[in-house]
Amino acid sequence: MESTDLQRMADSVLRDYGVPLKVAEIYAVEAGWTIAFSAARRGGLPKQVSLRCGERSSMHHVRESLKRGLDVSD
């Protein structure tokens, strides 16, 4: 999985669920990726989500992990 794929997926989740954050940084860690989000509005709190995913992780798995990390659901 590439960081550009994660960027698109994170942007999609933020847009689909109306989360007032924007992707600030994506970086690889030992067990996957960490996505740092900054507040899209003044006074909002930043957030960080760690994803345990490798090359074999499906986009569905990544999307669901992001949703859990951002506390959103269908």
PDB file of N, CA and C in Angstrom:
ATOM      1  N   MET A   1       0.845  -1.164   0.000  1.00  0.00           N
ATOM      2  CA  MET A   1       0.000   0.000   0.000  1.00  0.00           C
ATOM      3  C   MET A   1       0.897   1.236   0.000  1.00  0.00           C
ATOM      4  N   GLU A   2       0.587   2.174  -0.843  1.00  0.00           N
ATOM      5  CA  GLU A   2       1.362   3.404  -0.984  1.00  0.00           C
ATOM      6  C   GLU A   2       0.752   4.533  -0.170  1.00  0.00           C
ATOM      7  N   SER A   3       1.546   5.515   0.172  1.00  0.00           N
ATOM      8  CA  SER A   3       1.030   6.655   0.938  1.00  0.00           C
ATOM      9  C   SER A   3      -0.017   7.437   0.138  1.00  0.00           C
ATOM     10  N   THR A   4       0.111   7.453  -1.187  1.00  0.00           N
ATOM     11  CA  THR A   4      -0.896   8.155  -2.003  1.00  0.00           C
ATOM     12  C   THR A   4      -2.252   7.453  -1.924  1.00  0.00           C
ATOM     13  N   ASP A   5      -2.246   6.129  -1.835  1.00  0.00           N
ATOM     14  CA  ASP A   5      -3.498   5.381  -1.661  1.00  0.00           C
ATOM     15  C   ASP A   5      -4.133   5.731  -0.317  1.00  0.00           C
ATOM     16  N   LEU A   6      -3.310   5.807   0.716  1.00  0.00           N
ATOM     17  CA  LEU A   6      -3.806   6.159   2.046  1.00  0.00           C
ATOM     18  C   LEU A   6      -4.340   7.587   2.072  1.00  0.00           C
ATOM     19  N   GLN A   7      -3.675   8.485   1.383  1.00  0.00           N
ATOM     20  CA  GLN A   7      -4.127   9.880   1.307  1.00  0.00           C
ATOM     21  C   GLN A   7      -5.523   9.951   0.686  1.00  0.00           C
ATOM     22  N   ARG A   8      -5.706   9.264  -0.424  1.00  0.00           N
ATOM     23  CA  ARG A   8      -7.023   9.259  -1.092  1.00  0.00           C
ATOM     24  C   ARG A   8      -8.095   8.654  -0.197  1.00  0.00           C
ATOM     25  N   MET A   9      -7.767   7.543   0.459  1.00  0.00           N
ATOM     26  CA  MET A   9      -8.735   6.880   1.326  1.00  0.00           C
ATOM     27  C   MET A   9      -9.084   7.762   2.522  1.00  0.00           C
ATOM     28  N   ALA A  10      -8.093   8.371   3.132  1.00  0.00           N
ATOM     29  CA  ALA A  10      -8.347   9.246   4.283  1.00  0.00           C
ATOM     30  C   ALA A  10      -9.190  10.450   3.867  1.00  0.00           C
ATOM     31  N   ASP A  11      -8.864  11.063   2.748  1.00  0.00           N
ATOM     32  CA  ASP A  11      -9.655  12.196   2.254  1.00  0.00           C
ATOM     33  C   ASP A  11     -11.100  11.780   1.997  1.00  0.00           C
ATOM     34  N   SER A  12     -11.281  10.594   1.452  1.00  0.00           N
ATOM     35  CA  SER A  12     -12.620  10.084   1.166  1.00  0.00           C
ATOM     36  C   SER A  12     -13.431   9.884   2.457  1.00  0.00           C
ATOM     37  N   VAL A  13     -12.813   9.288   3.475  1.00  0.00           N
ATOM     38  CA  VAL A  13     -13.508   9.064   4.749  1.00  0.00           C
ATOM     39  C   VAL A  13     -13.865  10.401   5.394  1.00  0.00           C
ATOM     40  N   LEU A  14     -12.933  11.340   5.393  1.00  0.00           N
ATOM     41  CA  LEU A  14     -13.212  12.663   5.969  1.00  0.00           C
ATOM     42  C   LEU A  14     -14.389  13.332   5.266  1.00  0.00           C
ATOM     43  N   ARG A  15     -14.386  13.270   3.950  1.00  0.00           N
ATOM     44  CA  ARG A  15     -15.463  13.888   3.156  1.00  0.00           C
ATOM     45  C   ARG A  15     -16.791  13.161   3.364  1.00  0.00           C
ATOM     46  N   ASP A  16     -16.788  11.845   3.276  1.00  0.00           N
ATOM     47  CA  ASP A  16     -18.022  11.059   3.372  1.00  0.00           C
ATOM     48  C   ASP A  16     -18.713  11.196   4.726  1.00  0.00           C
ATOM     49  N   TYR A  17     -17.926  11.387   5.790  1.00  0.00           N
ATOM     50  CA  TYR A  17     -18.498  11.449   7.130  1.00  0.00           C
ATOM     51  C   TYR A  17     -18.482  12.855   7.726  1.00  0.00           C
ATOM     52  N   GLY A  18     -18.068  13.836   6.945  1.00  0.00           N
ATOM     53  CA  GLY A  18     -18.089  15.218   7.397  1.00  0.00           C
ATOM     54  C   GLY A  18     -17.197  15.484   8.593  1.00  0.00           C
ATOM     55  N   VAL A  19     -16.068  14.804   8.655  1.00  0.00           N
ATOM     56  CA  VAL A  19     -15.138  14.980   9.760  1.00  0.00           C
ATOM     57  C   VAL A  19     -14.336  16.268   9.518  1.00  0.00           C
ATOM     58  N   PRO A  20     -14.342  17.205  10.478  1.00  0.00           N
ATOM     59  CA  PRO A  20     -13.667  18.494  10.266  1.00  0.00           C
ATOM     60  C   PRO A  20     -12.151  18.428  10.492  1.00  0.00           C
ATOM     61  N   LEU A  21     -11.498  17.533   9.772  1.00  0.00           N
ATOM     62  CA  LEU A  21     -10.050  17.379   9.827  1.00  0.00           C
ATOM     63  C   LEU A  21      -9.513  17.349   8.413  1.00  0.00           C
ATOM     64  N   LYS A  22      -8.201  17.517   8.289  1.00  0.00           N
ATOM     65  CA  LYS A  22      -7.532  17.330   7.003  1.00  0.00           C
ATOM     66  C   LYS A  22      -6.243  16.565   7.247  1.00  0.00           C
ATOM     67  N   VAL A  23      -5.810  15.828   6.261  1.00  0.00           N
ATOM     68  CA  VAL A  23      -4.597  15.023   6.395  1.00  0.00           C
ATOM     69  C   VAL A  23      -3.401  15.977   6.449  1.00  0.00           C
ATOM     70  N   ALA A  24      -2.611  15.852   7.506  1.00  0.00           N
ATOM     71  CA  ALA A  24      -1.433  16.699   7.671  1.00  0.00           C
ATOM     72  C   ALA A  24      -0.161  15.960   7.248  1.00  0.00           C
ATOM     73  N   GLU A  25      -0.093  14.670   7.585  1.00  0.00           N
ATOM     74  CA  GLU A  25       1.121  13.907   7.312  1.00  0.00           C
ATOM     75  C   GLU A  25       0.810  12.416   7.349  1.00  0.00           C
ATOM     76  N   ILE A  26       1.487  11.679   6.495  1.00  0.00           N
ATOM     77  CA  ILE A  26       1.385  10.217   6.480  1.00  0.00           C
ATOM     78  C   ILE A  26       2.808   9.689   6.528  1.00  0.00           C
ATOM     79  N   TYR A  27       3.057   8.804   7.475  1.00  0.00           N
ATOM     80  CA  TYR A  27       4.401   8.250   7.530  1.00  0.00           C
ATOM     81  C   TYR A  27       4.359   6.769   7.892  1.00  0.00           C
ATOM     82  N   ALA A  28       5.341   6.066   7.355  1.00  0.00           N
ATOM     83  CA  ALA A  28       5.450   4.618   7.591  1.00  0.00           C
ATOM     84  C   ALA A  28       6.038   4.374   8.973  1.00  0.00           C
ATOM     85  N   VAL A  29       5.490   3.372   9.640  1.00  0.00           N
ATOM     86  CA  VAL A  29       6.017   2.914  10.920  1.00  0.00           C
ATOM     87  C   VAL A  29       6.258   1.416  10.809  1.00  0.00           C
ATOM     88  N   GLU A  30       6.821   0.835  11.817  1.00  0.00           N
ATOM     89  CA  GLU A  30       7.205  -0.577  11.774  1.00  0.00           C
ATOM     90  C   GLU A  30       6.056  -1.509  11.392  1.00  0.00           C
ATOM     91  N   ALA A  31       4.882  -1.293  11.948  1.00  0.00           N
ATOM     92  CA  ALA A  31       3.773  -2.225  11.725  1.00  0.00           C
ATOM     93  C   ALA A  31       2.726  -1.696  10.734  1.00  0.00           C
ATOM     94  N   GLY A  32       3.032  -0.662   9.996  1.00  0.00           N
ATOM     95  CA  GLY A  32       2.046  -0.137   9.051  1.00  0.00           C
ATOM     96  C   GLY A  32       2.267   1.330   8.761  1.00  0.00           C
ATOM     97  N   TRP A  33       1.233   2.129   9.046  1.00  0.00           N
ATOM     98  CA  TRP A  33       1.266   3.562   8.743  1.00  0.00           C
ATOM     99  C   TRP A  33       0.632   4.353   9.871  1.00  0.00           C
ATOM    100  N   THR A  34       1.044   5.598  10.005  1.00  0.00           N
ATOM    101  CA  THR A  34       0.390   6.534  10.909  1.00  0.00           C
ATOM    102  C   THR A  34      -0.038   7.733  10.076  1.00  0.00           C
ATOM    103  N   ILE A  35      -1.286   8.144  10.272  1.00  0.00           N
ATOM    104  CA  ILE A  35      -1.808   9.312   9.573  1.00  0.00           C
ATOM    105  C   ILE A  35      -2.104  10.374  10.621  1.00  0.00           C
ATOM    106  N   ALA A  36      -1.481  11.520  10.458  1.00  0.00           N
ATOM    107  CA  ALA A  36      -1.711  12.648  11.358  1.00  0.00           C
ATOM    108  C   ALA A  36      -2.705  13.589  10.677  1.00  0.00           C
ATOM    109  N   PHE A  37      -3.723  13.984  11.421  1.00  0.00           N
ATOM    110  CA  PHE A  37      -4.748  14.893  10.923  1.00  0.00           C
ATOM    111  C   PHE A  37      -4.656  16.210  11.682  1.00  0.00           C
ATOM    112  N   SER A  38      -4.894  17.304  10.986  1.00  0.00           N
ATOM    113  CA  SER A  38      -4.973  18.603  11.647  1.00  0.00           C
ATOM    114  C   SER A  38      -6.408  19.098  11.527  1.00  0.00           C
ATOM    115  N   ALA A  39      -6.762  20.022  12.403  1.00  0.00           N
ATOM    116  CA  ALA A  39      -8.115  20.567  12.402  1.00  0.00           C
ATOM    117  C   ALA A  39      -8.327  21.406  11.146  1.00  0.00           C
ATOM    118  N   ALA A  40      -9.479  21.237  10.526  1.00  0.00           N
ATOM    119  CA  ALA A  40      -9.814  22.017   9.343  1.00  0.00           C
ATOM    120  C   ALA A  40     -10.390  23.375   9.736  1.00  0.00           C
ATOM    121  N   ARG A  41     -10.815  23.499  10.981  1.00  0.00           N
ATOM    122  CA  ARG A  41     -11.400  24.749  11.479  1.00  0.00           C
ATOM    123  C   ARG A  41     -10.628  25.226  12.701  1.00  0.00           C
ATOM    124  N   ARG A  42     -10.650  26.513  12.907  1.00  0.00           N
ATOM    125  CA  ARG A  42      -9.977  27.094  14.075  1.00  0.00           C
ATOM    126  C   ARG A  42     -10.577  26.512  15.364  1.00  0.00           C
ATOM    127  N   GLY A  43      -9.713  26.164  16.296  1.00  0.00           N
ATOM    128  CA  GLY A  43     -10.163  25.635  17.572  1.00  0.00           C
ATOM    129  C   GLY A  43     -10.357  24.134  17.600  1.00  0.00           C
ATOM    130  N   GLY A  44     -10.266  23.473  16.452  1.00  0.00           N
ATOM    131  CA  GLY A  44     -10.414  22.025  16.408  1.00  0.00           C
ATOM    132  C   GLY A  44      -9.158  21.333  16.917  1.00  0.00           C
ATOM    133  N   LEU A  45      -9.314  20.104  17.325  1.00  0.00           N
ATOM    134  CA  LEU A  45      -8.189  19.343  17.864  1.00  0.00           C
ATOM    135  C   LEU A  45      -7.600  18.419  16.798  1.00  0.00           C
ATOM    136  N   PRO A  46      -6.279  18.330  16.735  1.00  0.00           N
ATOM    137  CA  PRO A  46      -5.650  17.383  15.804  1.00  0.00           C
ATOM    138  C   PRO A  46      -5.857  15.959  16.290  1.00  0.00           C
ATOM    139  N   LYS A  47      -5.632  15.011  15.409  1.00  0.00           N
ATOM    140  CA  LYS A  47      -5.815  13.602  15.757  1.00  0.00           C
ATOM    141  C   LYS A  47      -4.777  12.791  14.986  1.00  0.00           C
ATOM    142  N   GLN A  48      -4.453  11.637  15.507  1.00  0.00           N
ATOM    143  CA  GLN A  48      -3.515  10.736  14.854  1.00  0.00           C
ATOM    144  C   GLN A  48      -4.108   9.337  14.855  1.00  0.00           C
ATOM    145  N   VAL A  49      -4.019   8.659  13.718  1.00  0.00           N
ATOM    146  CA  VAL A  49      -4.545   7.301  13.599  1.00  0.00           C
ATOM    147  C   VAL A  49      -3.424   6.385  13.120  1.00  0.00           C
ATOM    148  N   SER A  50      -3.211   5.307  13.841  1.00  0.00           N
ATOM    149  CA  SER A  50      -2.218   4.308  13.447  1.00  0.00           C
ATOM    150  C   SER A  50      -2.937   3.150  12.777  1.00  0.00           C
ATOM    151  N   LEU A  51      -2.433   2.743  11.630  1.00  0.00           N
ATOM    152  CA  LEU A  51      -3.028   1.649  10.872  1.00  0.00           C
ATOM    153  C   LEU A  51      -2.044   0.499  10.812  1.00  0.00           C
ATOM    154  N   ARG A  52      -2.527  -0.680  11.133  1.00  0.00           N
ATOM    155  CA  ARG A  52      -1.707  -1.884  10.997  1.00  0.00           C
ATOM    156  C   ARG A  52      -2.088  -2.519   9.680  1.00  0.00           C
ATOM    157  N   CYS A  53      -1.358  -2.182   8.647  1.00  0.00           N
ATOM    158  CA  CYS A  53      -1.674  -2.741   7.336  1.00  0.00           C
ATOM    159  C   CYS A  53      -0.384  -2.940   6.558  1.00  0.00           C
ATOM    160  N   GLY A  54      -0.408  -3.948   5.761  1.00  0.00           N
ATOM    161  CA  GLY A  54       0.738  -4.250   4.925  1.00  0.00           C
ATOM    162  C   GLY A  54       0.333  -4.250   3.470  1.00  0.00           C
ATOM    163  N   GLU A  55       1.175  -4.826   2.663  1.00  0.00           N
ATOM    164  CA  GLU A  55       0.921  -4.867   1.227  1.00  0.00           C
ATOM    165  C   GLU A  55      -0.342  -5.648   0.888  1.00  0.00           C
ATOM    166  N   ARG A  56      -0.710  -6.601   1.710  1.00  0.00           N
ATOM    167  CA  ARG A  56      -1.857  -7.457   1.418  1.00  0.00           C
ATOM    168  C   ARG A  56      -3.170  -6.932   1.974  1.00  0.00           C
ATOM    169  N   SER A  57      -3.144  -5.844   2.682  1.00  0.00           N
ATOM    170  CA  SER A  57      -4.371  -5.286   3.250  1.00  0.00           C
ATOM    171  C   SER A  57      -5.269  -4.742   2.146  1.00  0.00           C
ATOM    172  N   SER A  58      -6.543  -5.028   2.281  1.00  0.00           N
ATOM    173  CA  SER A  58      -7.494  -4.538   1.289  1.00  0.00           C
ATOM    174  C   SER A  58      -7.855  -3.090   1.590  1.00  0.00           C
ATOM    175  N   MET A  59      -8.350  -2.394   0.585  1.00  0.00           N
ATOM    176  CA  MET A  59      -8.799  -1.022   0.766  1.00  0.00           C
ATOM    177  C   MET A  59      -9.967  -0.977   1.754  1.00  0.00           C
ATOM    178  N   HIS A  60     -10.792  -2.010   1.742  1.00  0.00           N
ATOM    179  CA  HIS A  60     -11.909  -2.074   2.686  1.00  0.00           C
ATOM    180  C   HIS A  60     -11.385  -2.120   4.130  1.00  0.00           C
ATOM    181  N   HIS A  61     -10.369  -2.937   4.357  1.00  0.00           N
ATOM    182  CA  HIS A  61      -9.760  -3.037   5.684  1.00  0.00           C
ATOM    183  C   HIS A  61      -9.214  -1.680   6.127  1.00  0.00           C
ATOM    184  N   VAL A  62      -8.524  -0.993   5.241  1.00  0.00           N
ATOM    185  CA  VAL A  62      -7.950   0.312   5.558  1.00  0.00           C
ATOM    186  C   VAL A  62      -9.055   1.317   5.860  1.00  0.00           C
ATOM    187  N   ARG A  63     -10.104   1.326   5.035  1.00  0.00           N
ATOM    188  CA  ARG A  63     -11.219   2.261   5.248  1.00  0.00           C
ATOM    189  C   ARG A  63     -11.888   2.015   6.611  1.00  0.00           C
ATOM    190  N   GLU A  64     -12.142   0.751   6.936  1.00  0.00           N
ATOM    191  CA  GLU A  64     -12.775   0.428   8.209  1.00  0.00           C
ATOM    192  C   GLU A  64     -11.869   0.788   9.390  1.00  0.00           C
ATOM    193  N   SER A  65     -10.578   0.595   9.247  1.00  0.00           N
ATOM    194  CA  SER A  65      -9.633   0.965  10.299  1.00  0.00           C
ATOM    195  C   SER A  65      -9.616   2.482  10.492  1.00  0.00           C
ATOM    196  N   LEU A  66      -9.659   3.221   9.402  1.00  0.00           N
ATOM    197  CA  LEU A  66      -9.721   4.680   9.496  1.00  0.00           C
ATOM    198  C   LEU A  66     -11.002   5.133  10.187  1.00  0.00           C
ATOM    199  N   LYS A  67     -12.109   4.525   9.816  1.00  0.00           N
ATOM    200  CA  LYS A  67     -13.396   4.886  10.434  1.00  0.00           C
ATOM    201  C   LYS A  67     -13.362   4.644  11.939  1.00  0.00           C
ATOM    202  N   ARG A  68     -12.806   3.506  12.360  1.00  0.00           N
ATOM    203  CA  ARG A  68     -12.692   3.206  13.791  1.00  0.00           C
ATOM    204  C   ARG A  68     -11.781   4.228  14.473  1.00  0.00           C
ATOM    205  N   GLY A  69     -10.665   4.536  13.845  1.00  0.00           N
ATOM    206  CA  GLY A  69      -9.718   5.480  14.428  1.00  0.00           C
ATOM    207  C   GLY A  69     -10.271   6.891  14.541  1.00  0.00           C
ATOM    208  N   LEU A  70     -11.159   7.250  13.622  1.00  0.00           N
ATOM    209  CA  LEU A  70     -11.763   8.588  13.638  1.00  0.00           C
ATOM    210  C   LEU A  70     -13.094   8.621  14.364  1.00  0.00           C
ATOM    211  N   ASP A  71     -13.537   7.484  14.881  1.00  0.00           N
ATOM    212  CA  ASP A  71     -14.806   7.383  15.618  1.00  0.00           C
ATOM    213  C   ASP A  71     -16.015   7.741  14.768  1.00  0.00           C
ATOM    214  N   VAL A  72     -16.063   7.231  13.546  1.00  0.00           N
ATOM    215  CA  VAL A  72     -17.252   7.411  12.705  1.00  0.00           C
ATOM    216  C   VAL A  72     -17.778   6.047  12.296  1.00  0.00           C
ATOM    217  N   SER A  73     -19.043   5.975  11.990  1.00  0.00           N
ATOM    218  CA  SER A  73     -19.631   4.701  11.555  1.00  0.00           C
ATOM    219  C   SER A  73     -20.812   4.992  10.649  1.00  0.00           C
ATOM    220  N   ASP A  74     -21.233   3.940   9.980  1.00  0.00           N
ATOM    221  CA  ASP A  74     -22.387   4.050   9.061  1.00  0.00           C
ATOM    222  C   ASP A  74     -23.676   4.047   9.812  1.00  0.00           C
TER     223      ASP A  74
END
